[in-house]
Amino acid sequence: MKPMHSLIVVSHPSPAALTHAVATEIERAITTASPANSVEIADLSEEGFDPRFSRSDVAAFNVEGPLADDARAEQLRIERAANLILVYPVYWWSMPGLLKGWIDRVFTNGWAYDESADGKVEKKLGWLRVHLVAVAAAGSEMYTRRGYLQAMRTQIDHGIFDYCGAPVLSSNMLSIADADTTGELLVEARRIGTQISVGEASRAAA
């Protein structure tokens, strides 16, 4: 199996949170599937990433100034990876502000996409395979019944990643309310990690 490098981006201020445990299990599953696989975990809270979209970010967006060093460093992280895996808790039916700010500042015009003066968009991240893992407190039935799950997928899966051309190969929600124990959710996290490796192996063999 060809070695695979994945970047897991996790956003939760507490290292003891279930979100971090899920990210760790996904990492273990990927490397267990093939010891040649490598995984980098970007802990945005621990690393102190600044999510604020500043004047310099606006200047870079308008191609009137350089991209900030920290945003460019995150782009380079992504460029080294075959898979981008976002693991995050659901806050107000979406991702945390820290993770949204990471996307705002990193997925820039000219890198993630090119927007021309006539409004045409060139999608530039077709090579990047995305996997989304949301950790929710409420049950999946309530998310489905009230349309929250579809709203999240419209906003994140399509609104962000499809706009850049990055295919979302899996989009999962792990619900605490649906599980008898947190251990069940960690088993599901291991399944997700294994499936990511299996999918990479299948593409390499094709």
N, C-alpha and C. Protein backbone atom coordinates (compact mmCIF):
# COMPACT_ATOMS: atom_id res chain seq x y z
N MET A 1 0.85 -1.19 0.00
CA MET A 1 0.00 0.00 0.00
C MET A 1 0.89 1.24 0.00
N LYS A 2 0.60 2.19 -0.85
CA LYS A 2 1.36 3.43 -0.91
C LYS A 2 1.14 4.22 0.38
N PRO A 3 2.23 4.75 0.99
CA PRO A 3 2.07 5.53 2.22
C PRO A 3 1.15 6.72 2.00
N MET A 4 0.38 7.06 3.01
CA MET A 4 -0.59 8.14 2.93
C MET A 4 -0.37 9.09 4.08
N HIS A 5 -0.38 10.38 3.81
CA HIS A 5 -0.26 11.37 4.86
C HIS A 5 -1.59 12.10 5.01
N SER A 6 -2.06 12.20 6.25
CA SER A 6 -3.33 12.87 6.55
C SER A 6 -3.10 13.99 7.56
N LEU A 7 -3.87 15.04 7.43
CA LEU A 7 -3.88 16.13 8.40
C LEU A 7 -5.22 16.13 9.11
N ILE A 8 -5.18 15.95 10.42
CA ILE A 8 -6.39 16.04 11.24
C ILE A 8 -6.38 17.39 11.94
N VAL A 9 -7.40 18.18 11.69
CA VAL A 9 -7.54 19.48 12.35
C VAL A 9 -8.63 19.35 13.40
N VAL A 10 -8.27 19.59 14.66
CA VAL A 10 -9.22 19.43 15.76
C VAL A 10 -9.39 20.77 16.47
N SER A 11 -10.63 21.06 16.82
CA SER A 11 -10.93 22.35 17.45
C SER A 11 -11.76 22.11 18.70
N HIS A 12 -11.09 22.12 19.85
CA HIS A 12 -11.77 22.07 21.15
C HIS A 12 -10.78 22.55 22.20
N PRO A 13 -11.19 23.46 23.08
CA PRO A 13 -10.23 24.02 24.04
C PRO A 13 -9.76 23.05 25.11
N SER A 14 -10.51 21.97 25.36
CA SER A 14 -10.13 21.03 26.42
C SER A 14 -9.51 19.76 25.83
N PRO A 15 -8.26 19.46 26.18
CA PRO A 15 -7.64 18.23 25.66
C PRO A 15 -8.31 16.96 26.17
N ALA A 16 -9.09 17.07 27.25
CA ALA A 16 -9.79 15.91 27.80
C ALA A 16 -11.15 15.67 27.14
N ALA A 17 -11.51 16.52 26.19
CA ALA A 17 -12.83 16.42 25.57
C ALA A 17 -12.93 15.20 24.66
N LEU A 18 -14.14 14.73 24.47
CA LEU A 18 -14.40 13.61 23.57
C LEU A 18 -13.91 13.92 22.16
N THR A 19 -13.99 15.16 21.74
CA THR A 19 -13.53 15.55 20.40
C THR A 19 -12.07 15.14 20.18
N HIS A 20 -11.23 15.38 21.18
CA HIS A 20 -9.82 15.01 21.07
C HIS A 20 -9.64 13.49 21.07
N ALA A 21 -10.44 12.80 21.87
CA ALA A 21 -10.35 11.34 21.90
C ALA A 21 -10.74 10.75 20.55
N VAL A 22 -11.76 11.32 19.92
CA VAL A 22 -12.18 10.87 18.58
C VAL A 22 -11.06 11.09 17.57
N ALA A 23 -10.42 12.25 17.62
CA ALA A 23 -9.32 12.54 16.70
C ALA A 23 -8.18 11.54 16.89
N THR A 24 -7.87 11.22 18.14
CA THR A 24 -6.79 10.27 18.44
C THR A 24 -7.11 8.88 17.91
N GLU A 25 -8.36 8.45 18.04
CA GLU A 25 -8.75 7.13 17.55
C GLU A 25 -8.69 7.06 16.03
N ILE A 26 -9.07 8.14 15.37
CA ILE A 26 -8.97 8.17 13.90
C ILE A 26 -7.51 8.07 13.49
N GLU A 27 -6.65 8.81 14.18
CA GLU A 27 -5.21 8.75 13.89
C GLU A 27 -4.68 7.33 14.07
N ARG A 28 -5.04 6.68 15.16
CA ARG A 28 -4.56 5.32 15.43
C ARG A 28 -5.04 4.34 14.36
N ALA A 29 -6.28 4.49 13.97
CA ALA A 29 -6.83 3.58 12.96
C ALA A 29 -6.12 3.74 11.63
N ILE A 30 -5.82 4.95 11.25
CA ILE A 30 -5.14 5.20 9.97
C ILE A 30 -3.75 4.58 9.98
N THR A 31 -3.00 4.78 11.06
CA THR A 31 -1.64 4.25 11.11
C THR A 31 -1.61 2.75 11.37
N THR A 32 -2.63 2.23 12.04
CA THR A 32 -2.72 0.78 12.25
C THR A 32 -3.00 0.07 10.94
N ALA A 33 -3.83 0.68 10.09
CA ALA A 33 -4.15 0.06 8.80
C ALA A 33 -2.90 -0.13 7.96
N SER A 34 -1.96 0.79 8.08
CA SER A 34 -0.67 0.66 7.42
C SER A 34 0.35 1.47 8.19
N PRO A 35 1.36 0.82 8.78
CA PRO A 35 2.37 1.57 9.55
C PRO A 35 3.10 2.63 8.73
N ALA A 36 3.04 2.51 7.42
CA ALA A 36 3.69 3.51 6.56
C ALA A 36 2.90 4.81 6.51
N ASN A 37 1.62 4.75 6.87
CA ASN A 37 0.80 5.96 6.87
C ASN A 37 1.29 6.93 7.94
N SER A 38 1.15 8.21 7.68
CA SER A 38 1.52 9.23 8.66
C SER A 38 0.35 10.18 8.87
N VAL A 39 0.26 10.70 10.09
CA VAL A 39 -0.83 11.61 10.45
C VAL A 39 -0.25 12.76 11.26
N GLU A 40 -0.66 13.97 10.93
CA GLU A 40 -0.34 15.15 11.74
C GLU A 40 -1.64 15.67 12.31
N ILE A 41 -1.64 15.94 13.62
CA ILE A 41 -2.81 16.54 14.25
C ILE A 41 -2.53 18.01 14.52
N ALA A 42 -3.36 18.87 13.97
CA ALA A 42 -3.28 20.31 14.21
C ALA A 42 -4.32 20.66 15.26
N ASP A 43 -3.88 20.91 16.47
CA ASP A 43 -4.76 21.28 17.59
C ASP A 43 -4.81 22.81 17.63
N LEU A 44 -5.83 23.38 17.01
CA LEU A 44 -5.88 24.83 16.82
C LEU A 44 -5.88 25.59 18.13
N SER A 45 -6.56 25.06 19.14
CA SER A 45 -6.61 25.74 20.43
C SER A 45 -5.26 25.70 21.12
N GLU A 46 -4.65 24.54 21.18
CA GLU A 46 -3.36 24.38 21.84
C GLU A 46 -2.27 25.20 21.14
N GLU A 47 -2.35 25.26 19.82
CA GLU A 47 -1.34 25.99 19.05
C GLU A 47 -1.57 27.50 19.03
N GLY A 48 -2.72 27.93 19.52
CA GLY A 48 -2.99 29.36 19.61
C GLY A 48 -3.25 30.03 18.27
N PHE A 49 -3.86 29.29 17.34
CA PHE A 49 -4.16 29.90 16.04
C PHE A 49 -5.13 31.07 16.22
N ASP A 50 -4.84 32.16 15.56
CA ASP A 50 -5.69 33.36 15.64
C ASP A 50 -6.74 33.31 14.54
N PRO A 51 -8.02 33.15 14.89
CA PRO A 51 -9.07 33.01 13.87
C PRO A 51 -9.59 34.34 13.32
N ARG A 52 -9.11 35.45 13.85
CA ARG A 52 -9.66 36.75 13.46
C ARG A 52 -9.22 37.14 12.05
N PHE A 53 -10.19 37.47 11.23
CA PHE A 53 -9.93 37.91 9.85
C PHE A 53 -9.58 39.39 9.91
N SER A 54 -8.30 39.69 9.79
CA SER A 54 -7.79 41.03 10.04
C SER A 54 -7.68 41.86 8.76
N ARG A 55 -7.21 43.09 8.92
CA ARG A 55 -7.00 43.96 7.77
C ARG A 55 -5.99 43.35 6.80
N SER A 56 -4.96 42.71 7.35
CA SER A 56 -3.97 42.10 6.46
C SER A 56 -4.58 40.94 5.69
N ASP A 57 -5.54 40.22 6.29
CA ASP A 57 -6.23 39.14 5.58
C ASP A 57 -7.09 39.71 4.44
N VAL A 58 -7.73 40.84 4.70
CA VAL A 58 -8.52 41.49 3.65
C VAL A 58 -7.62 41.93 2.51
N ALA A 59 -6.45 42.48 2.84
CA ALA A 59 -5.51 42.91 1.81
C ALA A 59 -5.05 41.72 0.97
N ALA A 60 -4.76 40.60 1.63
CA ALA A 60 -4.34 39.40 0.89
C ALA A 60 -5.47 38.90 0.00
N PHE A 61 -6.70 38.94 0.50
CA PHE A 61 -7.86 38.52 -0.29
C PHE A 61 -8.00 39.36 -1.54
N ASN A 62 -7.74 40.66 -1.41
CA ASN A 62 -7.86 41.57 -2.55
C ASN A 62 -6.59 41.65 -3.39
N VAL A 63 -5.63 40.77 -3.08
CA VAL A 63 -4.33 40.73 -3.78
C VAL A 63 -3.65 42.09 -3.71
N GLU A 64 -3.72 42.69 -2.53
CA GLU A 64 -3.10 43.99 -2.30
C GLU A 64 -2.00 43.90 -1.24
N GLY A 65 -1.74 42.68 -0.77
CA GLY A 65 -0.72 42.49 0.25
C GLY A 65 -0.44 41.01 0.41
N PRO A 66 0.65 40.66 1.13
CA PRO A 66 1.01 39.25 1.29
C PRO A 66 0.11 38.53 2.28
N LEU A 67 0.01 37.23 2.09
CA LEU A 67 -0.72 36.40 3.03
C LEU A 67 0.07 36.32 4.33
N ALA A 68 -0.62 36.35 5.46
CA ALA A 68 0.05 36.27 6.76
C ALA A 68 0.82 34.95 6.87
N ASP A 69 1.93 35.00 7.58
CA ASP A 69 2.80 33.82 7.70
C ASP A 69 2.07 32.63 8.32
N ASP A 70 1.23 32.89 9.34
CA ASP A 70 0.57 31.75 10.00
C ASP A 70 -0.45 31.09 9.08
N ALA A 71 -1.13 31.88 8.25
CA ALA A 71 -2.09 31.30 7.31
C ALA A 71 -1.36 30.51 6.22
N ARG A 72 -0.24 31.04 5.75
CA ARG A 72 0.53 30.31 4.73
C ARG A 72 1.08 29.01 5.30
N ALA A 73 1.50 29.02 6.56
CA ALA A 73 2.00 27.79 7.19
C ALA A 73 0.92 26.71 7.22
N GLU A 74 -0.34 27.11 7.44
CA GLU A 74 -1.44 26.15 7.45
C GLU A 74 -1.69 25.62 6.04
N GLN A 75 -1.57 26.48 5.03
CA GLN A 75 -1.73 26.01 3.65
C GLN A 75 -0.67 24.96 3.32
N LEU A 76 0.55 25.18 3.76
CA LEU A 76 1.62 24.21 3.50
C LEU A 76 1.34 22.88 4.19
N ARG A 77 0.78 22.93 5.38
CA ARG A 77 0.37 21.70 6.07
C ARG A 77 -0.62 20.91 5.21
N ILE A 78 -1.60 21.63 4.69
CA ILE A 78 -2.62 20.98 3.87
C ILE A 78 -2.01 20.41 2.60
N GLU A 79 -1.10 21.16 1.99
CA GLU A 79 -0.48 20.72 0.73
C GLU A 79 0.32 19.43 0.90
N ARG A 80 0.79 19.16 2.11
CA ARG A 80 1.55 17.92 2.37
C ARG A 80 0.64 16.72 2.53
N ALA A 81 -0.66 16.94 2.65
CA ALA A 81 -1.59 15.87 3.00
C ALA A 81 -2.43 15.41 1.82
N ALA A 82 -2.74 14.11 1.81
CA ALA A 82 -3.71 13.58 0.84
C ALA A 82 -5.13 13.76 1.36
N ASN A 83 -5.26 13.70 2.67
CA ASN A 83 -6.58 13.80 3.31
C ASN A 83 -6.58 14.92 4.34
N LEU A 84 -7.64 15.70 4.35
CA LEU A 84 -7.89 16.69 5.39
C LEU A 84 -9.09 16.20 6.19
N ILE A 85 -8.88 16.00 7.49
CA ILE A 85 -9.93 15.46 8.35
C ILE A 85 -10.22 16.49 9.43
N LEU A 86 -11.43 17.02 9.44
CA LEU A 86 -11.84 17.99 10.45
C LEU A 86 -12.65 17.29 11.53
N VAL A 87 -12.22 17.43 12.77
CA VAL A 87 -12.92 16.83 13.91
C VAL A 87 -13.29 17.96 14.86
N TYR A 88 -14.58 18.13 15.12
CA TYR A 88 -15.00 19.31 15.88
C TYR A 88 -16.33 19.06 16.60
N PRO A 89 -16.55 19.75 17.72
CA PRO A 89 -17.86 19.69 18.38
C PRO A 89 -18.85 20.59 17.65
N VAL A 90 -20.10 20.27 17.75
CA VAL A 90 -21.13 21.12 17.15
C VAL A 90 -21.48 22.23 18.13
N TYR A 91 -21.28 23.47 17.71
CA TYR A 91 -21.67 24.65 18.49
C TYR A 91 -22.76 25.38 17.71
N TRP A 92 -23.94 25.51 18.29
CA TRP A 92 -25.03 26.22 17.64
C TRP A 92 -25.25 25.74 16.21
N TRP A 93 -25.27 24.42 16.05
CA TRP A 93 -25.60 23.77 14.78
C TRP A 93 -24.57 24.05 13.69
N SER A 94 -23.33 24.26 14.09
CA SER A 94 -22.26 24.47 13.13
C SER A 94 -20.93 24.14 13.79
N MET A 95 -19.84 24.49 13.14
CA MET A 95 -18.51 24.28 13.70
C MET A 95 -18.15 25.43 14.64
N PRO A 96 -17.19 25.21 15.54
CA PRO A 96 -16.76 26.29 16.43
C PRO A 96 -16.16 27.47 15.65
N GLY A 97 -16.23 28.66 16.25
CA GLY A 97 -15.70 29.85 15.61
C GLY A 97 -14.22 29.74 15.30
N LEU A 98 -13.46 29.04 16.17
CA LEU A 98 -12.03 28.88 15.93
C LEU A 98 -11.77 28.14 14.63
N LEU A 99 -12.52 27.07 14.38
CA LEU A 99 -12.33 26.30 13.15
C LEU A 99 -12.83 27.09 11.94
N LYS A 100 -13.95 27.78 12.09
CA LYS A 100 -14.45 28.61 10.98
C LYS A 100 -13.45 29.70 10.63
N GLY A 101 -12.83 30.31 11.67
CA GLY A 101 -11.82 31.33 11.42
C GLY A 101 -10.59 30.77 10.73
N TRP A 102 -10.26 29.52 11.05
CA TRP A 102 -9.14 28.85 10.37
C TRP A 102 -9.45 28.73 8.88
N ILE A 103 -10.65 28.32 8.56
CA ILE A 103 -11.05 28.21 7.16
C ILE A 103 -11.07 29.59 6.51
N ASP A 104 -11.64 30.58 7.20
CA ASP A 104 -11.70 31.94 6.65
C ASP A 104 -10.32 32.43 6.24
N ARG A 105 -9.33 32.20 7.08
CA ARG A 105 -8.00 32.78 6.87
C ARG A 105 -7.10 31.92 5.98
N VAL A 106 -7.36 30.61 5.94
CA VAL A 106 -6.46 29.69 5.22
C VAL A 106 -6.94 29.39 3.81
N PHE A 107 -8.25 29.24 3.62
CA PHE A 107 -8.79 28.89 2.30
C PHE A 107 -9.01 30.16 1.50
N THR A 108 -7.89 30.73 1.04
CA THR A 108 -7.90 32.07 0.49
C THR A 108 -8.13 32.10 -1.02
N ASN A 109 -8.58 33.26 -1.46
CA ASN A 109 -8.67 33.55 -2.88
C ASN A 109 -7.27 33.48 -3.48
N GLY A 110 -7.13 32.72 -4.55
CA GLY A 110 -5.82 32.53 -5.17
C GLY A 110 -5.16 31.23 -4.78
N TRP A 111 -5.61 30.63 -3.68
CA TRP A 111 -5.07 29.33 -3.25
C TRP A 111 -6.16 28.27 -3.29
N ALA A 112 -7.26 28.48 -2.59
CA ALA A 112 -8.35 27.51 -2.59
C ALA A 112 -9.22 27.65 -3.82
N TYR A 113 -9.28 28.84 -4.35
CA TYR A 113 -10.09 29.13 -5.54
C TYR A 113 -9.56 30.43 -6.14
N ASP A 114 -9.93 30.67 -7.37
CA ASP A 114 -9.62 31.95 -8.02
C ASP A 114 -10.94 32.58 -8.46
N GLU A 115 -11.19 33.77 -7.98
CA GLU A 115 -12.41 34.49 -8.34
C GLU A 115 -12.04 35.64 -9.25
N SER A 116 -12.49 35.58 -10.49
CA SER A 116 -12.13 36.60 -11.47
C SER A 116 -13.03 37.81 -11.36
N ALA A 117 -12.65 38.88 -12.04
CA ALA A 117 -13.41 40.13 -11.99
C ALA A 117 -14.82 39.96 -12.53
N ASP A 118 -15.01 39.00 -13.44
CA ASP A 118 -16.35 38.79 -14.01
C ASP A 118 -17.20 37.81 -13.20
N GLY A 119 -16.68 37.43 -12.03
CA GLY A 119 -17.45 36.57 -11.12
C GLY A 119 -17.27 35.09 -11.32
N LYS A 120 -16.48 34.67 -12.29
CA LYS A 120 -16.25 33.25 -12.49
C LYS A 120 -15.28 32.71 -11.44
N VAL A 121 -15.53 31.48 -11.02
CA VAL A 121 -14.72 30.87 -9.97
C VAL A 121 -14.01 29.63 -10.50
N GLU A 122 -12.70 29.60 -10.31
CA GLU A 122 -11.91 28.40 -10.63
C GLU A 122 -11.63 27.65 -9.33
N LYS A 123 -12.12 26.42 -9.23
CA LYS A 123 -11.91 25.61 -8.04
C LYS A 123 -10.52 25.00 -8.08
N LYS A 124 -9.74 25.15 -7.01
CA LYS A 124 -8.33 24.79 -7.06
C LYS A 124 -7.92 23.65 -6.13
N LEU A 125 -8.87 23.10 -5.37
CA LEU A 125 -8.50 22.06 -4.40
C LEU A 125 -9.06 20.69 -4.76
N GLY A 126 -9.15 20.41 -6.05
CA GLY A 126 -9.70 19.12 -6.48
C GLY A 126 -8.86 17.93 -6.05
N TRP A 127 -7.62 18.17 -5.71
CA TRP A 127 -6.71 17.08 -5.29
C TRP A 127 -6.88 16.70 -3.82
N LEU A 128 -7.56 17.54 -3.05
CA LEU A 128 -7.66 17.34 -1.60
C LEU A 128 -8.91 16.56 -1.24
N ARG A 129 -8.74 15.47 -0.50
CA ARG A 129 -9.87 14.65 -0.07
C ARG A 129 -10.24 15.01 1.37
N VAL A 130 -11.50 15.34 1.58
CA VAL A 130 -11.96 15.87 2.86
C VAL A 130 -12.86 14.86 3.57
N HIS A 131 -12.66 14.76 4.88
CA HIS A 131 -13.51 13.94 5.74
C HIS A 131 -13.93 14.80 6.94
N LEU A 132 -15.22 14.82 7.23
CA LEU A 132 -15.76 15.65 8.30
C LEU A 132 -16.33 14.78 9.41
N VAL A 133 -15.94 15.10 10.65
CA VAL A 133 -16.43 14.35 11.80
C VAL A 133 -16.90 15.35 12.86
N ALA A 134 -18.22 15.48 12.98
CA ALA A 134 -18.80 16.37 13.97
C ALA A 134 -19.20 15.56 15.20
N VAL A 135 -18.95 16.10 16.38
CA VAL A 135 -19.32 15.44 17.64
C VAL A 135 -20.45 16.26 18.26
N ALA A 136 -21.61 15.64 18.40
CA ALA A 136 -22.81 16.36 18.84
C ALA A 136 -23.35 15.79 20.14
N ALA A 137 -23.99 16.64 20.93
CA ALA A 137 -24.60 16.19 22.18
C ALA A 137 -26.02 15.68 21.94
N ALA A 138 -26.78 16.36 21.08
CA ALA A 138 -28.17 15.98 20.82
C ALA A 138 -28.23 14.76 19.89
N GLY A 139 -29.38 14.10 19.89
CA GLY A 139 -29.56 12.91 19.09
C GLY A 139 -29.72 13.20 17.60
N SER A 140 -29.33 12.24 16.78
CA SER A 140 -29.38 12.43 15.33
C SER A 140 -30.81 12.59 14.83
N GLU A 141 -31.77 11.98 15.53
CA GLU A 141 -33.17 12.09 15.09
C GLU A 141 -33.63 13.54 15.13
N MET A 142 -33.21 14.28 16.16
CA MET A 142 -33.60 15.68 16.28
C MET A 142 -32.92 16.52 15.20
N TYR A 143 -31.65 16.22 14.89
CA TYR A 143 -30.94 16.93 13.82
C TYR A 143 -31.64 16.74 12.48
N THR A 144 -32.07 15.50 12.22
CA THR A 144 -32.73 15.20 10.96
C THR A 144 -34.12 15.83 10.90
N ARG A 145 -34.88 15.67 11.99
CA ARG A 145 -36.27 16.15 12.02
C ARG A 145 -36.35 17.66 11.86
N ARG A 146 -35.44 18.38 12.43
CA ARG A 146 -35.49 19.84 12.37
C ARG A 146 -34.66 20.43 11.22
N GLY A 147 -34.03 19.56 10.46
CA GLY A 147 -33.29 20.02 9.30
C GLY A 147 -31.90 20.55 9.59
N TYR A 148 -31.45 20.38 10.84
CA TYR A 148 -30.12 20.90 11.19
C TYR A 148 -29.01 20.16 10.46
N LEU A 149 -29.14 18.85 10.33
CA LEU A 149 -28.09 18.07 9.68
C LEU A 149 -27.93 18.49 8.22
N GLN A 150 -29.04 18.65 7.52
CA GLN A 150 -28.98 19.07 6.13
C GLN A 150 -28.42 20.49 6.02
N ALA A 151 -28.79 21.34 6.98
CA ALA A 151 -28.28 22.71 6.97
C ALA A 151 -26.76 22.73 7.16
N MET A 152 -26.26 21.88 8.06
CA MET A 152 -24.82 21.81 8.29
C MET A 152 -24.10 21.33 7.04
N ARG A 153 -24.65 20.33 6.38
CA ARG A 153 -24.01 19.80 5.18
C ARG A 153 -24.07 20.79 4.03
N THR A 154 -25.17 21.54 3.93
CA THR A 154 -25.25 22.56 2.90
C THR A 154 -24.21 23.64 3.13
N GLN A 155 -24.08 24.06 4.38
CA GLN A 155 -23.15 25.14 4.73
C GLN A 155 -21.69 24.70 4.61
N ILE A 156 -21.36 23.52 5.18
CA ILE A 156 -19.96 23.12 5.30
C ILE A 156 -19.51 22.26 4.11
N ASP A 157 -20.21 21.13 3.89
CA ASP A 157 -19.79 20.21 2.83
C ASP A 157 -19.82 20.89 1.46
N HIS A 158 -20.93 21.57 1.18
CA HIS A 158 -21.11 22.17 -0.14
C HIS A 158 -20.66 23.62 -0.18
N GLY A 159 -21.09 24.40 0.80
CA GLY A 159 -20.79 25.82 0.78
C GLY A 159 -19.31 26.15 0.87
N ILE A 160 -18.56 25.33 1.62
CA ILE A 160 -17.11 25.58 1.75
C ILE A 160 -16.31 24.72 0.79
N PHE A 161 -16.43 23.41 0.92
CA PHE A 161 -15.50 22.54 0.21
C PHE A 161 -15.85 22.35 -1.27
N ASP A 162 -17.12 22.25 -1.59
CA ASP A 162 -17.48 22.14 -3.00
C ASP A 162 -17.12 23.42 -3.75
N TYR A 163 -17.20 24.56 -3.07
CA TYR A 163 -16.83 25.83 -3.70
C TYR A 163 -15.37 25.82 -4.13
N CYS A 164 -14.54 25.10 -3.35
CA CYS A 164 -13.11 25.02 -3.67
C CYS A 164 -12.77 23.80 -4.51
N GLY A 165 -13.76 22.94 -4.77
CA GLY A 165 -13.53 21.74 -5.57
C GLY A 165 -12.98 20.57 -4.80
N ALA A 166 -12.88 20.68 -3.48
CA ALA A 166 -12.36 19.58 -2.65
C ALA A 166 -13.48 18.60 -2.35
N PRO A 167 -13.41 17.36 -2.84
CA PRO A 167 -14.49 16.41 -2.60
C PRO A 167 -14.58 15.97 -1.14
N VAL A 168 -15.78 16.03 -0.58
CA VAL A 168 -16.02 15.52 0.77
C VAL A 168 -16.37 14.03 0.63
N LEU A 169 -15.43 13.17 0.99
CA LEU A 169 -15.62 11.73 0.81
C LEU A 169 -16.41 11.09 1.93
N SER A 170 -16.41 11.71 3.10
CA SER A 170 -17.25 11.20 4.19
C SER A 170 -17.61 12.36 5.10
N SER A 171 -18.84 12.31 5.60
CA SER A 171 -19.35 13.34 6.50
C SER A 171 -20.15 12.64 7.58
N ASN A 172 -19.58 12.61 8.79
CA ASN A 172 -20.18 11.84 9.88
C ASN A 172 -20.51 12.74 11.07
N MET A 173 -21.57 12.38 11.76
CA MET A 173 -21.89 13.02 13.03
C MET A 173 -21.96 11.94 14.10
N LEU A 174 -21.14 12.09 15.14
CA LEU A 174 -21.15 11.16 16.26
C LEU A 174 -21.97 11.80 17.38
N SER A 175 -23.10 11.19 17.69
CA SER A 175 -24.03 11.77 18.66
C SER A 175 -23.88 11.10 20.01
N ILE A 176 -23.59 11.88 21.03
CA ILE A 176 -23.48 11.35 22.39
C ILE A 176 -24.82 10.77 22.84
N ALA A 177 -25.91 11.44 22.46
CA ALA A 177 -27.23 10.98 22.88
C ALA A 177 -27.61 9.65 22.25
N ASP A 178 -27.03 9.31 21.11
CA ASP A 178 -27.37 8.06 20.42
C ASP A 178 -26.59 6.87 20.95
N ALA A 179 -25.56 7.10 21.76
CA ALA A 179 -24.69 6.02 22.22
C ALA A 179 -24.93 5.71 23.69
N ASP A 180 -24.80 4.44 24.04
CA ASP A 180 -24.91 4.05 25.46
C ASP A 180 -23.67 4.46 26.24
N THR A 181 -22.52 4.42 25.58
CA THR A 181 -21.27 4.80 26.22
C THR A 181 -20.41 5.58 25.22
N THR A 182 -19.48 6.35 25.75
CA THR A 182 -18.56 7.05 24.86
C THR A 182 -17.68 6.06 24.11
N GLY A 183 -17.49 4.88 24.69
CA GLY A 183 -16.70 3.85 24.03
C GLY A 183 -17.28 3.49 22.67
N GLU A 184 -18.60 3.50 22.54
CA GLU A 184 -19.23 3.21 21.26
C GLU A 184 -18.83 4.25 20.20
N LEU A 185 -18.72 5.49 20.62
CA LEU A 185 -18.34 6.55 19.69
C LEU A 185 -16.88 6.41 19.27
N LEU A 186 -16.04 5.94 20.19
CA LEU A 186 -14.64 5.75 19.85
C LEU A 186 -14.47 4.57 18.89
N VAL A 187 -15.31 3.56 19.03
CA VAL A 187 -15.30 2.46 18.06
C VAL A 187 -15.69 2.98 16.69
N GLU A 188 -16.68 3.86 16.64
CA GLU A 188 -17.09 4.45 15.36
C GLU A 188 -15.97 5.31 14.79
N ALA A 189 -15.24 6.02 15.66
CA ALA A 189 -14.11 6.82 15.20
C ALA A 189 -13.05 5.93 14.57
N ARG A 190 -12.79 4.77 15.18
CA ARG A 190 -11.81 3.84 14.60
C ARG A 190 -12.29 3.33 13.24
N ARG A 191 -13.59 3.09 13.11
CA ARG A 191 -14.14 2.65 11.82
C ARG A 191 -13.92 3.71 10.76
N ILE A 192 -14.13 4.97 11.12
CA ILE A 192 -13.95 6.07 10.17
C ILE A 192 -12.49 6.11 9.71
N GLY A 193 -11.56 6.01 10.66
CA GLY A 193 -10.15 6.03 10.31
C GLY A 193 -9.75 4.88 9.41
N THR A 194 -10.28 3.70 9.72
CA THR A 194 -9.99 2.52 8.89
C THR A 194 -10.54 2.69 7.49
N GLN A 195 -11.75 3.23 7.38
CA GLN A 195 -12.36 3.43 6.07
C GLN A 195 -11.60 4.45 5.24
N ILE A 196 -11.02 5.45 5.89
CA ILE A 196 -10.21 6.42 5.16
C ILE A 196 -9.01 5.71 4.55
N SER A 197 -8.37 4.82 5.31
CA SER A 197 -7.21 4.08 4.80
C SER A 197 -7.62 3.10 3.71
N VAL A 198 -8.73 2.42 3.91
CA VAL A 198 -9.20 1.46 2.90
C VAL A 198 -9.51 2.19 1.60
N GLY A 199 -10.15 3.35 1.71
CA GLY A 199 -10.46 4.12 0.50
C GLY A 199 -9.22 4.56 -0.24
N GLU A 200 -8.19 4.96 0.50
CA GLU A 200 -6.93 5.36 -0.14
C GLU A 200 -6.28 4.16 -0.85
N ALA A 201 -6.33 2.99 -0.19
CA ALA A 201 -5.73 1.81 -0.77
C ALA A 201 -6.45 1.42 -2.06
N SER A 202 -7.76 1.54 -2.07
CA SER A 202 -8.56 1.20 -3.26
C SER A 202 -8.23 2.14 -4.41
N ARG A 203 -8.07 3.44 -4.10
CA ARG A 203 -7.74 4.40 -5.16
C ARG A 203 -6.34 4.15 -5.72
N ALA A 204 -5.41 3.77 -4.82
CA ALA A 204 -4.04 3.50 -5.28
C ALA A 204 -3.98 2.28 -6.18
N ALA A 205 -4.86 1.29 -5.91
CA ALA A 205 -4.83 0.04 -6.68
C ALA A 205 -5.58 0.15 -8.00
N ALA A 206 -6.42 1.18 -8.11
CA ALA A 206 -7.26 1.31 -9.31
C ALA A 206 -6.43 1.69 -10.53
